[in-house]
Amino acid sequence: MHLENKIGIAPSFMTTQMISTMEHWVGGTAELGNKSAVAFLLHTVDGGKTYTNENNGIVGEAITDIDFLSSKHGYATSINSNKICSVLEYHC
C-alpha cells in the first residue's frame, strides 16, 4: 500500500488504470473535502515499487476517474469541496 502522507491522514484513492503490467495510474486526494489537500495522480512504471505524483500542483480537487489514451496522454474527472466537477487533461 502506498501512503503519500506526512500529516497522518489516510488518503482516498478513487480510481486506477493499468497501462501495462508495469505501468499504472492511481487517482484520488490526500483528504476529501479539504480545500488545500493535494490531488493524487500517482504514476508508476515499475509495477508499483515507486510512484510519482504527476498532479502538476493541483490542490483542493479529488480525482474521481481517469482514462489514459496512452502513457503520456489522459483525462480525469475531479470534484472539489464545493461539489463542482471538472474535466482535466494530462499531457506530457
PDB file of N, CA and C in Angstrom:
ATOM      1  N   MET A   1       0.839  -1.180   0.000  1.00  0.00           N
ATOM      2  CA  MET A   1       0.000   0.000   0.000  1.00  0.00           C
ATOM      3  C   MET A   1       0.880   1.237   0.000  1.00  0.00           C
ATOM      4  N   HIS A   2       0.496   2.201  -0.769  1.00  0.00           N
ATOM      5  CA  HIS A   2       1.249   3.450  -0.893  1.00  0.00           C
ATOM      6  C   HIS A   2       0.572   4.534  -0.061  1.00  0.00           C
ATOM      7  N   LEU A   3       1.332   5.182   0.795  1.00  0.00           N
ATOM      8  CA  LEU A   3       0.804   6.317   1.559  1.00  0.00           C
ATOM      9  C   LEU A   3       1.679   7.528   1.283  1.00  0.00           C
ATOM     10  N   GLU A   4       1.111   8.499   0.618  1.00  0.00           N
ATOM     11  CA  GLU A   4       1.810   9.757   0.377  1.00  0.00           C
ATOM     12  C   GLU A   4       1.254  10.733   1.390  1.00  0.00           C
ATOM     13  N   ASN A   5       1.726  10.607   2.616  1.00  0.00           N
ATOM     14  CA  ASN A   5       1.058  11.279   3.704  1.00  0.00           C
ATOM     15  C   ASN A   5       2.067  11.607   4.793  1.00  0.00           C
ATOM     16  N   LYS A   6       2.195  12.872   5.071  1.00  0.00           N
ATOM     17  CA  LYS A   6       3.130  13.293   6.108  1.00  0.00           C
ATOM     18  C   LYS A   6       2.423  13.877   7.320  1.00  0.00           C
ATOM     19  N   ILE A   7       1.074  13.936   7.303  1.00  0.00           N
ATOM     20  CA  ILE A   7       0.338  14.543   8.412  1.00  0.00           C
ATOM     21  C   ILE A   7      -0.585  13.556   9.116  1.00  0.00           C
ATOM     22  N   GLY A   8      -0.519  12.281   8.762  1.00  0.00           N
ATOM     23  CA  GLY A   8      -1.271  11.270   9.483  1.00  0.00           C
ATOM     24  C   GLY A   8      -2.705  11.070   9.050  1.00  0.00           C
ATOM     25  N   ILE A   9      -3.111  11.620   7.920  1.00  0.00           N
ATOM     26  CA  ILE A   9      -4.467  11.430   7.419  1.00  0.00           C
ATOM     27  C   ILE A   9      -4.411  10.422   6.284  1.00  0.00           C
ATOM     28  N   ALA A  10      -5.288   9.425   6.325  1.00  0.00           N
ATOM     29  CA  ALA A  10      -5.287   8.404   5.281  1.00  0.00           C
ATOM     30  C   ALA A  10      -5.805   8.988   3.970  1.00  0.00           C
ATOM     31  N   PRO A  11      -5.063   8.812   2.888  1.00  0.00           N
ATOM     32  CA  PRO A  11      -5.512   9.329   1.598  1.00  0.00           C
ATOM     33  C   PRO A  11      -6.698   8.533   1.058  1.00  0.00           C
ATOM     34  N   SER A  12      -7.395   9.133   0.124  1.00  0.00           N
ATOM     35  CA  SER A  12      -8.527   8.484  -0.525  1.00  0.00           C
ATOM     36  C   SER A  12      -8.166   8.227  -1.980  1.00  0.00           C
ATOM     37  N   PHE A  13      -8.007   6.958  -2.336  1.00  0.00           N
ATOM     38  CA  PHE A  13      -7.752   6.575  -3.719  1.00  0.00           C
ATOM     39  C   PHE A  13      -9.075   6.172  -4.339  1.00  0.00           C
ATOM     40  N   MET A  14      -9.428   6.786  -5.471  1.00  0.00           N
ATOM     41  CA  MET A  14     -10.751   6.595  -6.044  1.00  0.00           C
ATOM     42  C   MET A  14     -10.767   5.876  -7.382  1.00  0.00           C
ATOM     43  N   THR A  15      -9.643   5.848  -8.085  1.00  0.00           N
ATOM     44  CA  THR A  15      -9.635   5.274  -9.427  1.00  0.00           C
ATOM     45  C   THR A  15      -8.239   4.798  -9.786  1.00  0.00           C
ATOM     46  N   THR A  16      -8.182   3.855 -10.693  1.00  0.00           N
ATOM     47  CA  THR A  16      -6.894   3.370 -11.179  1.00  0.00           C
ATOM     48  C   THR A  16      -7.039   2.909 -12.622  1.00  0.00           C
ATOM     49  N   GLN A  17      -5.944   2.964 -13.349  1.00  0.00           N
ATOM     50  CA  GLN A  17      -5.932   2.412 -14.699  1.00  0.00           C
ATOM     51  C   GLN A  17      -4.588   1.774 -14.963  1.00  0.00           C
ATOM     52  N   MET A  18      -4.638   0.533 -15.416  1.00  0.00           N
ATOM     53  CA  MET A  18      -3.433  -0.190 -15.804  1.00  0.00           C
ATOM     54  C   MET A  18      -3.141   0.109 -17.265  1.00  0.00           C
ATOM     55  N   ILE A  19      -1.923   0.541 -17.560  1.00  0.00           N
ATOM     56  CA  ILE A  19      -1.470   0.726 -18.932  1.00  0.00           C
ATOM     57  C   ILE A  19      -0.791  -0.560 -19.402  1.00  0.00           C
ATOM     58  N   SER A  20      -0.043  -1.164 -18.488  1.00  0.00           N
ATOM     59  CA  SER A  20       0.642  -2.442 -18.730  1.00  0.00           C
ATOM     60  C   SER A  20       0.870  -3.092 -17.370  1.00  0.00           C
ATOM     61  N   THR A  21       1.543  -4.235 -17.352  1.00  0.00           N
ATOM     62  CA  THR A  21       1.820  -4.890 -16.065  1.00  0.00           C
ATOM     63  C   THR A  21       2.760  -4.058 -15.198  1.00  0.00           C
ATOM     64  N   MET A  22       3.549  -3.193 -15.814  1.00  0.00           N
ATOM     65  CA  MET A  22       4.498  -2.381 -15.059  1.00  0.00           C
ATOM     66  C   MET A  22       4.034  -0.942 -14.848  1.00  0.00           C
ATOM     67  N   GLU A  23       3.128  -0.459 -15.683  1.00  0.00           N
ATOM     68  CA  GLU A  23       2.740   0.949 -15.606  1.00  0.00           C
ATOM     69  C   GLU A  23       1.260   1.089 -15.272  1.00  0.00           C
ATOM     70  N   HIS A  24       0.985   1.891 -14.247  1.00  0.00           N
ATOM     71  CA  HIS A  24      -0.402   2.222 -13.939  1.00  0.00           C
ATOM     72  C   HIS A  24      -0.492   3.585 -13.263  1.00  0.00           C
ATOM     73  N   TRP A  25      -1.727   4.079 -13.224  1.00  0.00           N
ATOM     74  CA  TRP A  25      -2.058   5.385 -12.649  1.00  0.00           C
ATOM     75  C   TRP A  25      -3.093   5.187 -11.547  1.00  0.00           C
ATOM     76  N   VAL A  26      -3.002   6.011 -10.503  1.00  0.00           N
ATOM     77  CA  VAL A  26      -3.962   5.986  -9.400  1.00  0.00           C
ATOM     78  C   VAL A  26      -4.393   7.420  -9.135  1.00  0.00           C
ATOM     79  N   GLY A  27      -5.703   7.657  -9.028  1.00  0.00           N
ATOM     80  CA  GLY A  27      -6.211   8.995  -8.762  1.00  0.00           C
ATOM     81  C   GLY A  27      -6.925   9.066  -7.426  1.00  0.00           C
ATOM     82  N   GLY A  28      -6.917  10.238  -6.821  1.00  0.00           N
ATOM     83  CA  GLY A  28      -7.598  10.451  -5.555  1.00  0.00           C
ATOM     84  C   GLY A  28      -7.201  11.777  -4.948  1.00  0.00           C
ATOM     85  N   THR A  29      -7.163  11.821  -3.630  1.00  0.00           N
ATOM     86  CA  THR A  29      -6.814  13.042  -2.905  1.00  0.00           C
ATOM     87  C   THR A  29      -6.206  12.689  -1.550  1.00  0.00           C
ATOM     88  N   ALA A  30      -5.471  13.629  -1.001  1.00  0.00           N
ATOM     89  CA  ALA A  30      -4.891  13.423   0.327  1.00  0.00           C
ATOM     90  C   ALA A  30      -5.954  13.460   1.408  1.00  0.00           C
ATOM     91  N   GLU A  31      -7.009  14.267   1.210  1.00  0.00           N
ATOM     92  CA  GLU A  31      -8.072  14.358   2.211  1.00  0.00           C
ATOM     93  C   GLU A  31      -9.341  14.908   1.546  1.00  0.00           C
ATOM     94  N   LEU A  32     -10.380  14.116   1.526  1.00  0.00           N
ATOM     95  CA  LEU A  32     -11.644  14.536   0.913  1.00  0.00           C
ATOM     96  C   LEU A  32     -12.201  15.785   1.584  1.00  0.00           C
ATOM     97  N   GLY A  33     -12.662  16.737   0.778  1.00  0.00           N
ATOM     98  CA  GLY A  33     -13.314  17.934   1.293  1.00  0.00           C
ATOM     99  C   GLY A  33     -12.397  19.031   1.782  1.00  0.00           C
ATOM    100  N   ASN A  34     -11.090  18.800   1.771  1.00  0.00           N
ATOM    101  CA  ASN A  34     -10.128  19.794   2.242  1.00  0.00           C
ATOM    102  C   ASN A  34      -9.673  20.651   1.063  1.00  0.00           C
ATOM    103  N   LYS A  35      -9.914  21.956   1.127  1.00  0.00           N
ATOM    104  CA  LYS A  35      -9.587  22.866   0.031  1.00  0.00           C
ATOM    105  C   LYS A  35      -8.095  22.965  -0.261  1.00  0.00           C
ATOM    106  N   SER A  36      -7.260  22.582   0.688  1.00  0.00           N
ATOM    107  CA  SER A  36      -5.816  22.653   0.465  1.00  0.00           C
ATOM    108  C   SER A  36      -5.162  21.276   0.341  1.00  0.00           C
ATOM    109  N   ALA A  37      -5.982  20.232   0.247  1.00  0.00           N
ATOM    110  CA  ALA A  37      -5.439  18.874   0.137  1.00  0.00           C
ATOM    111  C   ALA A  37      -4.861  18.638  -1.260  1.00  0.00           C
ATOM    112  N   VAL A  38      -3.785  17.929  -1.312  1.00  0.00           N
ATOM    113  CA  VAL A  38      -3.106  17.594  -2.564  1.00  0.00           C
ATOM    114  C   VAL A  38      -3.932  16.568  -3.341  1.00  0.00           C
ATOM    115  N   ALA A  39      -4.123  16.829  -4.633  1.00  0.00           N
ATOM    116  CA  ALA A  39      -4.750  15.841  -5.510  1.00  0.00           C
ATOM    117  C   ALA A  39      -3.711  14.780  -5.858  1.00  0.00           C
ATOM    118  N   PHE A  40      -4.139  13.536  -5.975  1.00  0.00           N
ATOM    119  CA  PHE A  40      -3.237  12.454  -6.356  1.00  0.00           C
ATOM    120  C   PHE A  40      -3.482  12.045  -7.797  1.00  0.00           C
ATOM    121  N   LEU A  41      -2.435  12.054  -8.583  1.00  0.00           N
ATOM    122  CA  LEU A  41      -2.397  11.424  -9.889  1.00  0.00           C
ATOM    123  C   LEU A  41      -1.081  10.656  -9.905  1.00  0.00           C
ATOM    124  N   LEU A  42      -1.102   9.552  -9.167  1.00  0.00           N
ATOM    125  CA  LEU A  42       0.110   8.770  -8.934  1.00  0.00           C
ATOM    126  C   LEU A  42       0.400   7.892 -10.131  1.00  0.00           C
ATOM    127  N   HIS A  43       1.676   7.825 -10.501  1.00  0.00           N
ATOM    128  CA  HIS A  43       2.114   7.104 -11.688  1.00  0.00           C
ATOM    129  C   HIS A  43       3.278   6.200 -11.322  1.00  0.00           C
ATOM    130  N   THR A  44       3.218   4.956 -11.744  1.00  0.00           N
ATOM    131  CA  THR A  44       4.325   4.024 -11.549  1.00  0.00           C
ATOM    132  C   THR A  44       4.682   3.388 -12.882  1.00  0.00           C
ATOM    133  N   VAL A  45       5.953   3.173 -13.080  1.00  0.00           N
ATOM    134  CA  VAL A  45       6.434   2.453 -14.270  1.00  0.00           C
ATOM    135  C   VAL A  45       7.231   1.220 -13.874  1.00  0.00           C
ATOM    136  N   ASP A  46       7.246   0.920 -12.566  1.00  0.00           N
ATOM    137  CA  ASP A  46       8.000  -0.240 -12.080  1.00  0.00           C
ATOM    138  C   ASP A  46       7.105  -1.225 -11.318  1.00  0.00           C
ATOM    139  N   GLY A  47       5.861  -1.313 -11.739  1.00  0.00           N
ATOM    140  CA  GLY A  47       4.947  -2.283 -11.137  1.00  0.00           C
ATOM    141  C   GLY A  47       4.487  -1.922  -9.740  1.00  0.00           C
ATOM    142  N   GLY A  48       4.606  -0.666  -9.342  1.00  0.00           N
ATOM    143  CA  GLY A  48       4.140  -0.227  -8.039  1.00  0.00           C
ATOM    144  C   GLY A  48       5.205  -0.128  -6.966  1.00  0.00           C
ATOM    145  N   LYS A  49       6.452  -0.355  -7.320  1.00  0.00           N
ATOM    146  CA  LYS A  49       7.531  -0.223  -6.330  1.00  0.00           C
ATOM    147  C   LYS A  49       7.723   1.231  -5.928  1.00  0.00           C
ATOM    148  N   THR A  50       7.613   2.140  -6.891  1.00  0.00           N
ATOM    149  CA  THR A  50       7.721   3.571  -6.620  1.00  0.00           C
ATOM    150  C   THR A  50       6.625   4.300  -7.390  1.00  0.00           C
ATOM    151  N   TYR A  51       6.249   5.472  -6.884  1.00  0.00           N
ATOM    152  CA  TYR A  51       5.229   6.307  -7.510  1.00  0.00           C
ATOM    153  C   TYR A  51       5.722   7.741  -7.593  1.00  0.00           C
ATOM    154  N   THR A  52       5.244   8.451  -8.598  1.00  0.00           N
ATOM    155  CA  THR A  52       5.456   9.878  -8.736  1.00  0.00           C
ATOM    156  C   THR A  52       4.086  10.530  -8.811  1.00  0.00           C
ATOM    157  N   ASN A  53       3.879  11.583  -8.027  1.00  0.00           N
ATOM    158  CA  ASN A  53       2.600  12.298  -8.098  1.00  0.00           C
ATOM    159  C   ASN A  53       2.700  13.328  -9.219  1.00  0.00           C
ATOM    160  N   GLU A  54       2.052  13.042 -10.325  1.00  0.00           N
ATOM    161  CA  GLU A  54       2.126  13.904 -11.506  1.00  0.00           C
ATOM    162  C   GLU A  54       0.896  14.806 -11.592  1.00  0.00           C
ATOM    163  N   ASN A  55       0.550  15.413 -10.475  1.00  0.00           N
ATOM    164  CA  ASN A  55      -0.664  16.236 -10.392  1.00  0.00           C
ATOM    165  C   ASN A  55      -0.460  17.681 -10.824  1.00  0.00           C
ATOM    166  N   ASN A  56       0.751  18.063 -11.192  1.00  0.00           N
ATOM    167  CA  ASN A  56       1.045  19.446 -11.611  1.00  0.00           C
ATOM    168  C   ASN A  56       0.630  20.489 -10.580  1.00  0.00           C
ATOM    169  N   GLY A  57       0.720  20.139  -9.301  1.00  0.00           N
ATOM    170  CA  GLY A  57       0.446  21.091  -8.229  1.00  0.00           C
ATOM    171  C   GLY A  57      -1.024  21.308  -7.898  1.00  0.00           C
ATOM    172  N   ILE A  58      -1.905  20.471  -8.398  1.00  0.00           N
ATOM    173  CA  ILE A  58      -3.338  20.631  -8.145  1.00  0.00           C
ATOM    174  C   ILE A  58      -3.642  20.355  -6.676  1.00  0.00           C
ATOM    175  N   VAL A  59      -4.377  21.272  -6.046  1.00  0.00           N
ATOM    176  CA  VAL A  59      -4.850  21.087  -4.672  1.00  0.00           C
ATOM    177  C   VAL A  59      -6.355  21.357  -4.630  1.00  0.00           C
ATOM    178  N   GLY A  60      -7.007  20.798  -3.635  1.00  0.00           N
ATOM    179  CA  GLY A  60      -8.429  21.043  -3.436  1.00  0.00           C
ATOM    180  C   GLY A  60      -9.344  20.265  -4.355  1.00  0.00           C
ATOM    181  N   GLU A  61      -8.799  19.360  -5.137  1.00  0.00           N
ATOM    182  CA  GLU A  61      -9.572  18.531  -6.056  1.00  0.00           C
ATOM    183  C   GLU A  61      -9.346  17.064  -5.718  1.00  0.00           C
ATOM    184  N   ALA A  62     -10.392  16.285  -5.835  1.00  0.00           N
ATOM    185  CA  ALA A  62     -10.289  14.833  -5.688  1.00  0.00           C
ATOM    186  C   ALA A  62     -10.461  14.222  -7.074  1.00  0.00           C
ATOM    187  N   ILE A  63      -9.460  13.504  -7.546  1.00  0.00           N
ATOM    188  CA  ILE A  63      -9.543  12.833  -8.839  1.00  0.00           C
ATOM    189  C   ILE A  63     -10.479  11.642  -8.669  1.00  0.00           C
ATOM    190  N   THR A  64     -11.580  11.640  -9.429  1.00  0.00           N
ATOM    191  CA  THR A  64     -12.607  10.602  -9.261  1.00  0.00           C
ATOM    192  C   THR A  64     -12.576   9.526 -10.336  1.00  0.00           C
ATOM    193  N   ASP A  65     -12.024   9.837 -11.498  1.00  0.00           N
ATOM    194  CA  ASP A  65     -11.935   8.851 -12.567  1.00  0.00           C
ATOM    195  C   ASP A  65     -10.831   9.271 -13.521  1.00  0.00           C
ATOM    196  N   ILE A  66     -10.172   8.300 -14.128  1.00  0.00           N
ATOM    197  CA  ILE A  66      -9.118   8.591 -15.091  1.00  0.00           C
ATOM    198  C   ILE A  66      -9.266   7.674 -16.296  1.00  0.00           C
ATOM    199  N   ASP A  67      -8.811   8.159 -17.433  1.00  0.00           N
ATOM    200  CA  ASP A  67      -8.797   7.369 -18.659  1.00  0.00           C
ATOM    201  C   ASP A  67      -7.606   7.828 -19.484  1.00  0.00           C
ATOM    202  N   PHE A  68      -6.636   6.956 -19.659  1.00  0.00           N
ATOM    203  CA  PHE A  68      -5.440   7.289 -20.411  1.00  0.00           C
ATOM    204  C   PHE A  68      -5.506   6.688 -21.800  1.00  0.00           C
ATOM    205  N   LEU A  69      -5.281   7.541 -22.809  1.00  0.00           N
ATOM    206  CA  LEU A  69      -5.230   7.105 -24.197  1.00  0.00           C
ATOM    207  C   LEU A  69      -3.881   6.463 -24.503  1.00  0.00           C
ATOM    208  N   SER A  70      -2.859   6.911 -23.777  1.00  0.00           N
ATOM    209  CA  SER A  70      -1.508   6.362 -23.849  1.00  0.00           C
ATOM    210  C   SER A  70      -0.851   6.656 -22.509  1.00  0.00           C
ATOM    211  N   SER A  71       0.381   6.252 -22.346  1.00  0.00           N
ATOM    212  CA  SER A  71       1.057   6.512 -21.072  1.00  0.00           C
ATOM    213  C   SER A  71       1.376   7.989 -20.870  1.00  0.00           C
ATOM    214  N   LYS A  72       1.233   8.798 -21.896  1.00  0.00           N
ATOM    215  CA  LYS A  72       1.567  10.222 -21.799  1.00  0.00           C
ATOM    216  C   LYS A  72       0.392  11.160 -22.017  1.00  0.00           C
ATOM    217  N   HIS A  73      -0.791  10.617 -22.259  1.00  0.00           N
ATOM    218  CA  HIS A  73      -1.942  11.474 -22.525  1.00  0.00           C
ATOM    219  C   HIS A  73      -3.201  10.843 -21.944  1.00  0.00           C
ATOM    220  N   GLY A  74      -3.858  11.603 -21.053  1.00  0.00           N
ATOM    221  CA  GLY A  74      -5.066  11.080 -20.435  1.00  0.00           C
ATOM    222  C   GLY A  74      -5.984  12.179 -19.950  1.00  0.00           C
ATOM    223  N   TYR A  75      -7.133  11.757 -19.487  1.00  0.00           N
ATOM    224  CA  TYR A  75      -8.153  12.670 -18.966  1.00  0.00           C
ATOM    225  C   TYR A  75      -8.588  12.197 -17.590  1.00  0.00           C
ATOM    226  N   ALA A  76      -9.057  13.133 -16.784  1.00  0.00           N
ATOM    227  CA  ALA A  76      -9.547  12.804 -15.447  1.00  0.00           C
ATOM    228  C   ALA A  76     -10.753  13.673 -15.132  1.00  0.00           C
ATOM    229  N   THR A  77     -11.605  13.151 -14.283  1.00  0.00           N
ATOM    230  CA  THR A  77     -12.664  13.975 -13.708  1.00  0.00           C
ATOM    231  C   THR A  77     -12.312  14.191 -12.247  1.00  0.00           C
ATOM    232  N   SER A  78     -12.748  15.334 -11.726  1.00  0.00           N
ATOM    233  CA  SER A  78     -12.465  15.655 -10.334  1.00  0.00           C
ATOM    234  C   SER A  78     -13.655  16.386  -9.733  1.00  0.00           C
ATOM    235  N   ILE A  79     -13.655  16.428  -8.405  1.00  0.00           N
ATOM    236  CA  ILE A  79     -14.671  17.174  -7.670  1.00  0.00           C
ATOM    237  C   ILE A  79     -13.971  17.904  -6.533  1.00  0.00           C
ATOM    238  N   ASN A  80     -14.436  19.129  -6.232  1.00  0.00           N
ATOM    239  CA  ASN A  80     -13.817  19.876  -5.139  1.00  0.00           C
ATOM    240  C   ASN A  80     -14.770  19.957  -3.938  1.00  0.00           C
ATOM    241  N   SER A  81     -14.353  20.660  -2.903  1.00  0.00           N
ATOM    242  CA  SER A  81     -15.143  20.727  -1.665  1.00  0.00           C
ATOM    243  C   SER A  81     -16.457  21.481  -1.854  1.00  0.00           C
ATOM    244  N   ASN A  82     -16.574  22.271  -2.925  1.00  0.00           N
ATOM    245  CA  ASN A  82     -17.825  22.967  -3.237  1.00  0.00           C
ATOM    246  C   ASN A  82     -18.742  22.134  -4.125  1.00  0.00           C
ATOM    247  N   LYS A  83     -18.348  20.878  -4.365  1.00  0.00           N
ATOM    248  CA  LYS A  83     -19.093  19.928  -5.200  1.00  0.00           C
ATOM    249  C   LYS A  83     -19.174  20.368  -6.657  1.00  0.00           C
ATOM    250  N   ILE A  84     -18.132  21.048  -7.113  1.00  0.00           N
ATOM    251  CA  ILE A  84     -18.019  21.439  -8.514  1.00  0.00           C
ATOM    252  C   ILE A  84     -17.115  20.425  -9.213  1.00  0.00           C
ATOM    253  N   CYS A  85     -17.614  19.865 -10.304  1.00  0.00           N
ATOM    254  CA  CYS A  85     -16.869  18.859 -11.057  1.00  0.00           C
ATOM    255  C   CYS A  85     -16.094  19.511 -12.196  1.00  0.00           C
ATOM    256  N   SER A  86     -14.951  18.917 -12.522  1.00  0.00           N
ATOM    257  CA  SER A  86     -14.114  19.415 -13.614  1.00  0.00           C
ATOM    258  C   SER A  86     -13.603  18.242 -14.432  1.00  0.00           C
ATOM    259  N   VAL A  87     -13.253  18.532 -15.685  1.00  0.00           N
ATOM    260  CA  VAL A  87     -12.560  17.582 -16.547  1.00  0.00           C
ATOM    261  C   VAL A  87     -11.142  18.106 -16.713  1.00  0.00           C
ATOM    262  N   LEU A  88     -10.171  17.271 -16.444  1.00  0.00           N
ATOM    263  CA  LEU A  88      -8.756  17.651 -16.522  1.00  0.00           C
ATOM    264  C   LEU A  88      -8.084  16.855 -17.629  1.00  0.00           C
ATOM    265  N   GLU A  89      -7.079  17.447 -18.250  1.00  0.00           N
ATOM    266  CA  GLU A  89      -6.307  16.743 -19.275  1.00  0.00           C
ATOM    267  C   GLU A  89      -4.860  16.670 -18.826  1.00  0.00           C
ATOM    268  N   TYR A  90      -4.270  15.500 -18.969  1.00  0.00           N
ATOM    269  CA  TYR A  90      -2.856  15.297 -18.664  1.00  0.00           C
ATOM    270  C   TYR A  90      -2.150  14.999 -19.977  1.00  0.00           C
ATOM    271  N   HIS A  91      -1.068  15.735 -20.225  1.00  0.00           N
ATOM    272  CA  HIS A  91      -0.305  15.510 -21.436  1.00  0.00           C
ATOM    273  C   HIS A  91       1.148  15.855 -21.145  1.00  0.00           C
ATOM    274  N   CYS A  92       2.038  14.937 -21.441  1.00  0.00           N
ATOM    275  CA  CYS A  92       3.468  15.250 -21.269  1.00  0.00           C
ATOM    276  C   CYS A  92       4.257  14.837 -22.482  1.00  0.00           C
TER     277      CYS A  92
END
